[in-house]
């Protein structure tokens, strides 16, 4: 194996207070009410400038397919799937590789900071393998009661250290944590 350092993996995601990233049907309507807030609108572009690659599950990718254009040009994106899906960009790499294999390939491509986009099952797989370096979770002041969880069930205990807590005037709260 090449001894190139693996990229830093950041799980940047929004969640309800009770830990769901989407409704049971995958809906995000509960979150879109914050899109127009200027402070929130600046947070994502600032974060996106810090990453050079992405990884996501097929359901997250299919959600993006509905929009018809790839929002992250020039950044390689590994999509975990065993199905054949249309590629929105030549930057998209469909794979059944393990999280570690993806990170090794990303390192060989010179990637240094990878955004773990979602969903909860993908995040759980990376977390179980100890591969998430930073968690940046923006909590919305809403309880959904059910939905797609922030992590898949059976993720192991992982001690974290809080780096920052950022309240937004609109009611969102972003917590940044790193592995101990």
N, C-alpha and C. Protein backbone atom coordinates (compact mmCIF):
# COMPACT_ATOMS: atom_id res chain seq x y z
N UNK A 1 0.84 -1.19 0.00
CA UNK A 1 0.00 0.00 0.00
C UNK A 1 0.87 1.24 0.00
N UNK A 2 0.43 2.26 -0.70
CA UNK A 2 1.08 3.56 -0.70
C UNK A 2 0.93 4.16 0.70
N UNK A 3 1.98 4.78 1.21
CA UNK A 3 1.92 5.35 2.55
C UNK A 3 1.52 6.82 2.55
N UNK A 4 0.83 7.25 1.51
CA UNK A 4 0.29 8.60 1.45
C UNK A 4 -0.76 8.75 2.55
N UNK A 5 -0.75 9.88 3.21
CA UNK A 5 -1.72 10.12 4.29
C UNK A 5 -3.14 10.11 3.73
N UNK A 6 -4.03 9.47 4.46
CA UNK A 6 -5.44 9.46 4.06
C UNK A 6 -6.02 10.86 4.22
N UNK A 7 -6.98 11.21 3.38
CA UNK A 7 -7.62 12.52 3.52
C UNK A 7 -8.36 12.63 4.86
N UNK A 8 -8.49 13.84 5.33
CA UNK A 8 -9.33 14.13 6.48
C UNK A 8 -10.78 13.97 6.02
N UNK A 9 -11.57 13.24 6.79
CA UNK A 9 -12.98 13.02 6.46
C UNK A 9 -13.84 13.87 7.38
N UNK A 10 -14.70 14.71 6.76
CA UNK A 10 -15.59 15.60 7.50
C UNK A 10 -17.04 15.19 7.20
N UNK A 11 -17.77 14.85 8.25
CA UNK A 11 -19.20 14.58 8.11
C UNK A 11 -19.92 15.90 8.40
N UNK A 12 -20.28 16.61 7.33
CA UNK A 12 -20.96 17.92 7.41
C UNK A 12 -22.40 17.66 7.02
N UNK A 13 -23.31 17.88 7.97
CA UNK A 13 -24.69 17.47 7.74
C UNK A 13 -25.62 18.30 8.63
N UNK A 14 -26.87 18.40 8.23
CA UNK A 14 -27.91 19.01 9.06
C UNK A 14 -28.79 17.91 9.62
N UNK A 15 -29.28 18.12 10.83
CA UNK A 15 -30.10 17.10 11.49
C UNK A 15 -31.18 17.77 12.33
N UNK A 16 -32.25 17.04 12.54
CA UNK A 16 -33.29 17.49 13.47
C UNK A 16 -32.75 17.29 14.89
N UNK A 17 -33.40 17.89 15.85
CA UNK A 17 -32.97 17.77 17.24
C UNK A 17 -32.94 16.30 17.69
N UNK A 18 -33.84 15.49 17.13
CA UNK A 18 -33.87 14.08 17.51
C UNK A 18 -33.02 13.19 16.60
N UNK A 19 -32.14 13.80 15.80
CA UNK A 19 -31.11 13.03 15.11
C UNK A 19 -31.46 12.46 13.76
N UNK A 20 -32.38 13.09 13.04
CA UNK A 20 -32.72 12.62 11.70
C UNK A 20 -32.24 13.62 10.66
N UNK A 21 -31.71 13.09 9.53
CA UNK A 21 -31.20 13.96 8.47
C UNK A 21 -32.21 14.16 7.35
N UNK A 22 -33.30 13.40 7.38
CA UNK A 22 -34.37 13.52 6.39
C UNK A 22 -35.60 12.80 6.95
N UNK A 23 -36.74 13.07 6.35
CA UNK A 23 -37.97 12.36 6.74
C UNK A 23 -37.85 10.90 6.29
N UNK A 24 -38.79 10.04 6.69
CA UNK A 24 -38.72 8.64 6.25
C UNK A 24 -38.70 8.50 4.72
N UNK A 25 -39.31 9.45 4.00
CA UNK A 25 -39.33 9.41 2.53
C UNK A 25 -38.12 10.10 1.91
N UNK A 26 -37.23 10.63 2.75
CA UNK A 26 -36.05 11.33 2.25
C UNK A 26 -36.26 12.82 2.08
N UNK A 27 -37.38 13.35 2.55
CA UNK A 27 -37.69 14.76 2.38
C UNK A 27 -36.88 15.69 3.26
N UNK A 28 -36.64 16.89 2.73
CA UNK A 28 -35.88 17.92 3.44
C UNK A 28 -36.66 19.21 3.61
N UNK A 29 -37.97 19.17 3.38
CA UNK A 29 -38.78 20.38 3.46
C UNK A 29 -38.66 21.06 4.83
N UNK A 30 -38.48 20.30 5.87
CA UNK A 30 -38.34 20.85 7.22
C UNK A 30 -37.08 21.71 7.35
N UNK A 31 -36.13 21.53 6.45
CA UNK A 31 -34.85 22.24 6.52
C UNK A 31 -34.79 23.44 5.58
N UNK A 32 -35.57 23.40 4.50
CA UNK A 32 -35.46 24.45 3.48
C UNK A 32 -35.91 25.82 3.98
N UNK A 33 -36.63 25.87 5.08
CA UNK A 33 -37.06 27.19 5.61
C UNK A 33 -35.88 28.06 6.02
N UNK A 34 -34.69 27.44 6.16
CA UNK A 34 -33.50 28.19 6.57
C UNK A 34 -32.64 28.62 5.38
N UNK A 35 -33.00 28.21 4.18
CA UNK A 35 -32.19 28.50 2.98
C UNK A 35 -31.99 29.99 2.73
N UNK A 36 -32.97 30.78 3.04
CA UNK A 36 -32.91 32.22 2.73
C UNK A 36 -32.14 33.03 3.78
N UNK A 37 -31.84 32.42 4.92
CA UNK A 37 -31.11 33.14 5.96
C UNK A 37 -29.70 33.44 5.47
N UNK A 38 -29.28 34.73 5.45
CA UNK A 38 -27.97 35.08 4.89
C UNK A 38 -26.79 34.41 5.60
N UNK A 39 -26.89 34.27 6.91
CA UNK A 39 -25.80 33.64 7.68
C UNK A 39 -25.67 32.16 7.30
N UNK A 40 -26.79 31.49 7.16
CA UNK A 40 -26.78 30.07 6.76
C UNK A 40 -26.30 29.95 5.32
N UNK A 41 -26.75 30.85 4.46
CA UNK A 41 -26.38 30.81 3.04
C UNK A 41 -24.87 30.97 2.85
N UNK A 42 -24.18 31.63 3.75
CA UNK A 42 -22.73 31.81 3.66
C UNK A 42 -21.96 30.61 4.21
N UNK A 43 -22.57 29.86 5.12
CA UNK A 43 -21.86 28.78 5.79
C UNK A 43 -21.46 27.67 4.83
N UNK A 44 -22.39 27.21 3.99
CA UNK A 44 -22.07 26.10 3.10
C UNK A 44 -20.98 26.44 2.09
N UNK A 45 -21.07 27.56 1.36
CA UNK A 45 -19.99 27.87 0.41
C UNK A 45 -18.62 27.98 1.10
N UNK A 46 -18.60 28.54 2.31
CA UNK A 46 -17.34 28.63 3.04
C UNK A 46 -16.81 27.24 3.36
N UNK A 47 -17.69 26.33 3.77
CA UNK A 47 -17.27 24.96 4.03
C UNK A 47 -16.80 24.29 2.75
N UNK A 48 -17.57 24.44 1.67
CA UNK A 48 -17.25 23.74 0.43
C UNK A 48 -15.86 24.13 -0.10
N UNK A 49 -15.43 25.33 0.16
CA UNK A 49 -14.09 25.75 -0.28
C UNK A 49 -12.99 24.98 0.45
N UNK A 50 -13.32 24.36 1.58
CA UNK A 50 -12.30 23.64 2.36
C UNK A 50 -12.15 22.18 1.94
N UNK A 51 -13.03 21.68 1.06
CA UNK A 51 -12.97 20.27 0.68
C UNK A 51 -12.57 20.14 -0.79
N UNK A 52 -11.95 18.99 -1.11
CA UNK A 52 -11.54 18.76 -2.50
C UNK A 52 -12.11 17.46 -3.06
N UNK A 53 -12.92 16.75 -2.27
CA UNK A 53 -13.52 15.50 -2.74
C UNK A 53 -14.72 15.17 -1.88
N UNK A 54 -15.55 14.22 -2.38
CA UNK A 54 -16.78 13.86 -1.68
C UNK A 54 -17.01 12.36 -1.74
N UNK A 55 -17.82 11.87 -0.82
CA UNK A 55 -18.33 10.51 -0.88
C UNK A 55 -19.78 10.54 -0.40
N UNK A 56 -20.63 9.74 -1.05
CA UNK A 56 -22.04 9.70 -0.67
C UNK A 56 -22.63 8.35 -1.04
N UNK A 57 -23.79 8.08 -0.47
CA UNK A 57 -24.53 6.89 -0.82
C UNK A 57 -25.38 7.13 -2.06
N UNK A 58 -25.92 6.05 -2.59
CA UNK A 58 -26.68 6.16 -3.84
C UNK A 58 -27.99 6.94 -3.67
N UNK A 59 -28.62 6.88 -2.49
CA UNK A 59 -29.87 7.62 -2.30
C UNK A 59 -29.60 9.13 -2.30
N UNK A 60 -28.51 9.54 -1.68
CA UNK A 60 -28.15 10.95 -1.71
C UNK A 60 -27.85 11.37 -3.14
N UNK A 61 -27.13 10.53 -3.88
CA UNK A 61 -26.82 10.84 -5.27
C UNK A 61 -28.10 10.93 -6.11
N UNK A 62 -29.03 10.00 -5.89
CA UNK A 62 -30.29 10.03 -6.64
C UNK A 62 -31.09 11.30 -6.34
N UNK A 63 -30.99 11.81 -5.11
CA UNK A 63 -31.63 13.08 -4.76
C UNK A 63 -31.03 14.19 -5.62
N UNK A 64 -29.70 14.18 -5.79
CA UNK A 64 -29.04 15.19 -6.62
C UNK A 64 -29.38 15.01 -8.10
N UNK A 65 -29.61 13.77 -8.53
CA UNK A 65 -29.99 13.51 -9.92
C UNK A 65 -31.28 14.25 -10.30
N UNK A 66 -32.17 14.41 -9.33
CA UNK A 66 -33.44 15.10 -9.60
C UNK A 66 -33.22 16.53 -10.04
N UNK A 67 -32.08 17.12 -9.67
CA UNK A 67 -31.79 18.51 -10.03
C UNK A 67 -31.12 18.63 -11.40
N UNK A 68 -30.57 17.53 -11.91
CA UNK A 68 -30.07 17.49 -13.28
C UNK A 68 -28.69 18.07 -13.53
N UNK A 69 -28.11 18.77 -12.57
CA UNK A 69 -26.76 19.30 -12.76
C UNK A 69 -25.91 18.93 -11.55
N UNK A 70 -24.63 18.74 -11.80
CA UNK A 70 -23.72 18.36 -10.72
C UNK A 70 -23.23 19.63 -10.02
N UNK A 71 -23.49 19.75 -8.70
CA UNK A 71 -23.15 20.99 -8.00
C UNK A 71 -21.70 21.11 -7.53
N UNK A 72 -20.88 20.09 -7.80
CA UNK A 72 -19.51 20.10 -7.29
C UNK A 72 -18.49 19.82 -8.41
N UNK A 73 -18.47 20.63 -9.46
CA UNK A 73 -17.57 20.36 -10.58
C UNK A 73 -16.10 20.42 -10.16
N UNK A 74 -15.32 19.50 -10.75
CA UNK A 74 -13.89 19.47 -10.50
C UNK A 74 -13.49 18.76 -9.23
N UNK A 75 -14.46 18.21 -8.49
CA UNK A 75 -14.16 17.49 -7.25
C UNK A 75 -14.59 16.04 -7.41
N UNK A 76 -13.64 15.10 -7.29
CA UNK A 76 -14.04 13.70 -7.42
C UNK A 76 -15.05 13.32 -6.34
N UNK A 77 -16.02 12.50 -6.74
CA UNK A 77 -17.06 12.06 -5.81
C UNK A 77 -17.27 10.56 -5.96
N UNK A 78 -17.05 9.83 -4.89
CA UNK A 78 -17.30 8.40 -4.87
C UNK A 78 -18.74 8.19 -4.41
N UNK A 79 -19.51 7.45 -5.21
CA UNK A 79 -20.89 7.12 -4.88
C UNK A 79 -20.93 5.63 -4.59
N UNK A 80 -21.30 5.27 -3.37
CA UNK A 80 -21.37 3.87 -2.98
C UNK A 80 -22.65 3.25 -3.51
N UNK A 81 -22.48 2.33 -4.46
CA UNK A 81 -23.65 1.68 -5.06
C UNK A 81 -23.21 0.42 -5.80
N UNK A 82 -24.13 -0.50 -5.92
CA UNK A 82 -23.90 -1.68 -6.76
C UNK A 82 -24.74 -1.59 -8.03
N UNK A 83 -25.50 -0.51 -8.15
CA UNK A 83 -26.38 -0.33 -9.30
C UNK A 83 -25.72 0.54 -10.36
N UNK A 84 -26.27 0.48 -11.55
CA UNK A 84 -25.83 1.36 -12.63
C UNK A 84 -26.71 2.60 -12.60
N UNK A 85 -26.06 3.75 -12.40
CA UNK A 85 -26.78 5.02 -12.35
C UNK A 85 -26.18 5.96 -13.38
N UNK A 86 -26.95 6.92 -13.87
CA UNK A 86 -26.39 7.88 -14.83
C UNK A 86 -25.39 8.81 -14.13
N UNK A 87 -24.31 9.11 -14.80
CA UNK A 87 -23.30 10.00 -14.25
C UNK A 87 -23.60 11.44 -14.66
N UNK A 88 -23.75 12.31 -13.67
CA UNK A 88 -23.99 13.72 -13.94
C UNK A 88 -22.71 14.45 -14.34
N UNK A 89 -21.56 13.82 -14.09
CA UNK A 89 -20.28 14.47 -14.33
C UNK A 89 -19.19 13.40 -14.46
N UNK A 90 -18.12 13.71 -15.18
CA UNK A 90 -17.00 12.76 -15.23
C UNK A 90 -16.28 12.65 -13.89
N UNK A 91 -16.60 13.55 -12.94
CA UNK A 91 -15.99 13.50 -11.61
C UNK A 91 -16.60 12.41 -10.73
N UNK A 92 -17.69 11.79 -11.17
CA UNK A 92 -18.41 10.82 -10.36
C UNK A 92 -17.83 9.42 -10.59
N UNK A 93 -17.54 8.77 -9.46
CA UNK A 93 -16.95 7.43 -9.49
C UNK A 93 -17.88 6.49 -8.73
N UNK A 94 -18.55 5.60 -9.43
CA UNK A 94 -19.44 4.63 -8.78
C UNK A 94 -18.58 3.48 -8.27
N UNK A 95 -18.83 3.05 -7.03
CA UNK A 95 -17.95 2.06 -6.44
C UNK A 95 -18.67 1.20 -5.41
N UNK A 96 -18.11 0.02 -5.20
CA UNK A 96 -18.53 -0.86 -4.11
C UNK A 96 -17.37 -1.04 -3.13
N UNK A 97 -16.38 -0.18 -3.23
CA UNK A 97 -15.19 -0.28 -2.39
C UNK A 97 -15.53 -0.01 -0.93
N UNK A 98 -14.65 -0.44 -0.05
CA UNK A 98 -14.81 -0.16 1.37
C UNK A 98 -14.42 1.29 1.63
N UNK A 99 -14.85 1.85 2.76
CA UNK A 99 -14.44 3.22 3.08
C UNK A 99 -12.92 3.41 3.05
N UNK A 100 -12.17 2.48 3.60
CA UNK A 100 -10.70 2.62 3.60
C UNK A 100 -10.16 2.60 2.17
N UNK A 101 -10.69 1.73 1.33
CA UNK A 101 -10.24 1.69 -0.07
C UNK A 101 -10.54 3.01 -0.79
N UNK A 102 -11.69 3.59 -0.50
CA UNK A 102 -12.04 4.89 -1.10
C UNK A 102 -11.04 5.94 -0.66
N UNK A 103 -10.73 5.97 0.62
CA UNK A 103 -9.79 6.97 1.13
C UNK A 103 -8.38 6.75 0.57
N UNK A 104 -7.99 5.50 0.38
CA UNK A 104 -6.69 5.23 -0.22
C UNK A 104 -6.65 5.72 -1.66
N UNK A 105 -7.73 5.49 -2.40
CA UNK A 105 -7.79 5.97 -3.78
C UNK A 105 -7.80 7.50 -3.81
N UNK A 106 -8.55 8.12 -2.89
CA UNK A 106 -8.59 9.58 -2.82
C UNK A 106 -7.19 10.13 -2.52
N UNK A 107 -6.47 9.49 -1.63
CA UNK A 107 -5.10 9.93 -1.30
C UNK A 107 -4.20 9.82 -2.52
N UNK A 108 -4.34 8.74 -3.28
CA UNK A 108 -3.52 8.57 -4.48
C UNK A 108 -3.83 9.64 -5.51
N UNK A 109 -5.05 10.17 -5.49
CA UNK A 109 -5.43 11.25 -6.41
C UNK A 109 -5.02 12.63 -5.88
N UNK A 110 -4.42 12.66 -4.70
CA UNK A 110 -3.98 13.91 -4.11
C UNK A 110 -5.03 14.63 -3.28
N UNK A 111 -6.14 13.97 -2.98
CA UNK A 111 -7.19 14.59 -2.17
C UNK A 111 -6.74 14.67 -0.72
N UNK A 112 -7.08 15.79 -0.09
CA UNK A 112 -6.63 16.02 1.29
C UNK A 112 -7.79 16.16 2.28
N UNK A 113 -8.96 16.57 1.79
CA UNK A 113 -10.09 16.81 2.69
C UNK A 113 -11.37 16.38 1.99
N UNK A 114 -12.02 15.36 2.52
CA UNK A 114 -13.16 14.72 1.87
C UNK A 114 -14.43 14.99 2.68
N UNK A 115 -15.47 15.40 1.96
CA UNK A 115 -16.78 15.64 2.59
C UNK A 115 -17.60 14.37 2.51
N UNK A 116 -17.95 13.82 3.66
CA UNK A 116 -18.87 12.70 3.75
C UNK A 116 -20.27 13.30 3.73
N UNK A 117 -20.90 13.27 2.54
CA UNK A 117 -22.17 13.96 2.32
C UNK A 117 -23.32 13.21 2.99
N UNK A 118 -23.37 11.93 2.88
CA UNK A 118 -24.46 11.16 3.46
C UNK A 118 -24.72 9.92 2.65
N UNK A 119 -25.63 9.24 3.11
CA UNK A 119 -26.55 9.38 4.23
C UNK A 119 -26.02 8.72 5.50
N UNK A 120 -26.99 8.46 6.37
CA UNK A 120 -26.67 7.93 7.69
C UNK A 120 -26.02 6.56 7.65
N UNK A 121 -26.40 5.71 6.70
CA UNK A 121 -25.78 4.38 6.60
C UNK A 121 -24.31 4.50 6.18
N UNK A 122 -24.04 5.38 5.23
CA UNK A 122 -22.65 5.60 4.79
C UNK A 122 -21.84 6.18 5.95
N UNK A 123 -22.40 7.17 6.65
CA UNK A 123 -21.70 7.76 7.79
C UNK A 123 -21.42 6.71 8.85
N UNK A 124 -22.40 5.83 9.09
CA UNK A 124 -22.21 4.77 10.08
C UNK A 124 -21.08 3.82 9.70
N UNK A 125 -20.96 3.52 8.41
CA UNK A 125 -19.89 2.64 7.94
C UNK A 125 -18.53 3.29 8.15
N UNK A 126 -18.40 4.55 7.80
CA UNK A 126 -17.13 5.27 8.00
C UNK A 126 -16.83 5.39 9.49
N UNK A 127 -17.85 5.67 10.30
CA UNK A 127 -17.66 5.82 11.74
C UNK A 127 -17.25 4.50 12.38
N UNK A 128 -17.88 3.40 11.99
CA UNK A 128 -17.51 2.08 12.54
C UNK A 128 -16.05 1.74 12.26
N UNK A 129 -15.54 2.21 11.11
CA UNK A 129 -14.14 1.95 10.75
C UNK A 129 -13.19 3.00 11.32
N UNK A 130 -13.71 3.94 12.12
CA UNK A 130 -12.87 4.97 12.73
C UNK A 130 -12.28 5.95 11.73
N UNK A 131 -13.02 6.25 10.65
CA UNK A 131 -12.48 7.05 9.56
C UNK A 131 -13.03 8.48 9.47
N UNK A 132 -13.91 8.87 10.38
CA UNK A 132 -14.40 10.25 10.37
C UNK A 132 -13.52 11.04 11.34
N UNK A 133 -12.89 12.08 10.83
CA UNK A 133 -12.01 12.91 11.65
C UNK A 133 -12.74 14.08 12.29
N UNK A 134 -13.74 14.60 11.59
CA UNK A 134 -14.44 15.80 12.07
C UNK A 134 -15.94 15.65 11.80
N UNK A 135 -16.71 16.07 12.76
CA UNK A 135 -18.17 16.10 12.63
C UNK A 135 -18.59 17.56 12.69
N UNK A 136 -19.33 18.01 11.69
CA UNK A 136 -19.88 19.36 11.70
C UNK A 136 -21.37 19.20 11.47
N UNK A 137 -22.11 19.18 12.57
CA UNK A 137 -23.54 18.89 12.52
C UNK A 137 -24.31 20.16 12.86
N UNK A 138 -25.20 20.54 11.96
CA UNK A 138 -26.05 21.71 12.18
C UNK A 138 -27.43 21.20 12.58
N UNK A 139 -27.80 21.48 13.82
CA UNK A 139 -29.08 21.01 14.34
C UNK A 139 -30.16 22.06 14.11
N UNK A 140 -31.31 21.60 13.60
CA UNK A 140 -32.48 22.45 13.42
C UNK A 140 -33.39 22.28 14.63
N UNK A 141 -34.03 23.35 15.06
CA UNK A 141 -34.91 23.27 16.22
C UNK A 141 -36.27 22.65 15.86
N UNK A 142 -36.22 21.36 15.52
CA UNK A 142 -37.44 20.64 15.15
C UNK A 142 -37.27 19.17 15.56
N UNK A 143 -38.35 18.57 15.95
CA UNK A 143 -38.36 17.15 16.26
C UNK A 143 -39.20 16.48 15.18
N UNK A 144 -38.56 15.59 14.42
CA UNK A 144 -39.26 14.91 13.32
C UNK A 144 -39.98 13.64 13.80
N UNK A 145 -39.45 12.99 14.81
CA UNK A 145 -40.09 11.78 15.33
C UNK A 145 -39.73 10.51 14.60
N UNK A 146 -39.33 10.62 13.34
CA UNK A 146 -38.93 9.47 12.54
C UNK A 146 -38.21 9.98 11.31
N UNK A 147 -37.46 9.10 10.67
CA UNK A 147 -36.77 9.50 9.46
C UNK A 147 -35.48 8.74 9.25
N UNK A 148 -34.61 9.31 8.43
CA UNK A 148 -33.31 8.71 8.16
C UNK A 148 -32.36 9.20 9.25
N UNK A 149 -31.80 8.28 10.04
CA UNK A 149 -30.98 8.70 11.17
C UNK A 149 -29.63 9.28 10.75
N UNK A 150 -29.10 10.12 11.61
CA UNK A 150 -27.79 10.74 11.43
C UNK A 150 -26.71 9.67 11.22
N UNK A 151 -26.84 8.57 11.92
CA UNK A 151 -25.96 7.40 11.76
C UNK A 151 -26.84 6.17 11.72
N UNK A 152 -26.35 5.15 11.01
CA UNK A 152 -27.08 3.89 11.02
C UNK A 152 -26.97 3.29 12.42
N UNK A 153 -27.93 2.46 12.78
CA UNK A 153 -27.87 1.83 14.10
C UNK A 153 -26.59 1.01 14.25
N UNK A 154 -26.26 0.77 15.48
CA UNK A 154 -25.12 -0.06 15.89
C UNK A 154 -23.76 0.57 15.60
N UNK A 155 -23.70 1.90 15.63
CA UNK A 155 -22.38 2.53 15.54
C UNK A 155 -21.76 2.47 16.93
N UNK A 156 -20.45 2.23 17.00
CA UNK A 156 -19.80 2.08 18.31
C UNK A 156 -19.60 3.43 19.01
N UNK A 157 -19.36 3.35 20.32
CA UNK A 157 -19.02 4.55 21.07
C UNK A 157 -17.76 5.16 20.49
N UNK A 158 -17.73 6.49 20.44
CA UNK A 158 -16.56 7.20 19.94
C UNK A 158 -16.41 8.49 20.72
N UNK A 159 -15.37 8.60 21.55
CA UNK A 159 -15.16 9.85 22.29
C UNK A 159 -14.82 10.99 21.33
N UNK A 160 -15.49 12.11 21.52
CA UNK A 160 -15.27 13.28 20.67
C UNK A 160 -14.97 14.49 21.55
N UNK A 161 -14.34 15.47 20.94
CA UNK A 161 -14.05 16.73 21.63
C UNK A 161 -14.73 17.85 20.86
N UNK A 162 -15.49 18.68 21.55
CA UNK A 162 -16.16 19.81 20.93
C UNK A 162 -15.13 20.90 20.62
N UNK A 163 -15.11 21.33 19.36
CA UNK A 163 -14.21 22.39 18.93
C UNK A 163 -14.92 23.73 18.95
N UNK A 164 -16.18 23.74 18.49
CA UNK A 164 -16.94 24.99 18.49
C UNK A 164 -18.43 24.72 18.47
N UNK A 165 -19.16 25.69 18.95
CA UNK A 165 -20.63 25.69 18.90
C UNK A 165 -21.01 27.05 18.33
N UNK A 166 -21.74 27.02 17.21
CA UNK A 166 -22.08 28.26 16.52
C UNK A 166 -23.60 28.38 16.40
N UNK A 167 -24.20 29.26 17.19
CA UNK A 167 -25.64 29.49 17.04
C UNK A 167 -25.90 30.46 15.88
N UNK A 168 -26.90 30.16 15.09
CA UNK A 168 -27.34 31.06 14.02
C UNK A 168 -28.57 31.81 14.53
N UNK A 169 -28.73 33.05 14.12
CA UNK A 169 -29.86 33.87 14.56
C UNK A 169 -31.21 33.23 14.21
N UNK A 170 -31.25 32.42 13.14
CA UNK A 170 -32.50 31.80 12.69
C UNK A 170 -32.92 30.61 13.55
N UNK A 171 -32.05 30.19 14.49
CA UNK A 171 -32.40 29.07 15.37
C UNK A 171 -31.57 27.82 15.18
N UNK A 172 -30.84 27.73 14.07
CA UNK A 172 -29.96 26.58 13.86
C UNK A 172 -28.76 26.69 14.81
N UNK A 173 -28.18 25.54 15.15
CA UNK A 173 -26.96 25.50 15.96
C UNK A 173 -26.01 24.50 15.34
N UNK A 174 -24.79 24.96 15.02
CA UNK A 174 -23.80 24.08 14.41
C UNK A 174 -22.76 23.69 15.47
N UNK A 175 -22.52 22.39 15.57
CA UNK A 175 -21.53 21.88 16.51
C UNK A 175 -20.42 21.22 15.72
N UNK A 176 -19.20 21.61 16.00
CA UNK A 176 -18.03 21.02 15.34
C UNK A 176 -17.30 20.19 16.39
N UNK A 177 -17.10 18.91 16.07
CA UNK A 177 -16.42 17.99 16.97
C UNK A 177 -15.32 17.25 16.22
N UNK A 178 -14.30 16.81 16.94
CA UNK A 178 -13.24 16.01 16.35
C UNK A 178 -13.03 14.77 17.22
N UNK A 179 -12.46 13.75 16.60
CA UNK A 179 -12.13 12.53 17.36
C UNK A 179 -11.09 12.85 18.41
N UNK A 180 -11.22 12.23 19.56
CA UNK A 180 -10.22 12.38 20.63
C UNK A 180 -8.92 11.76 20.21
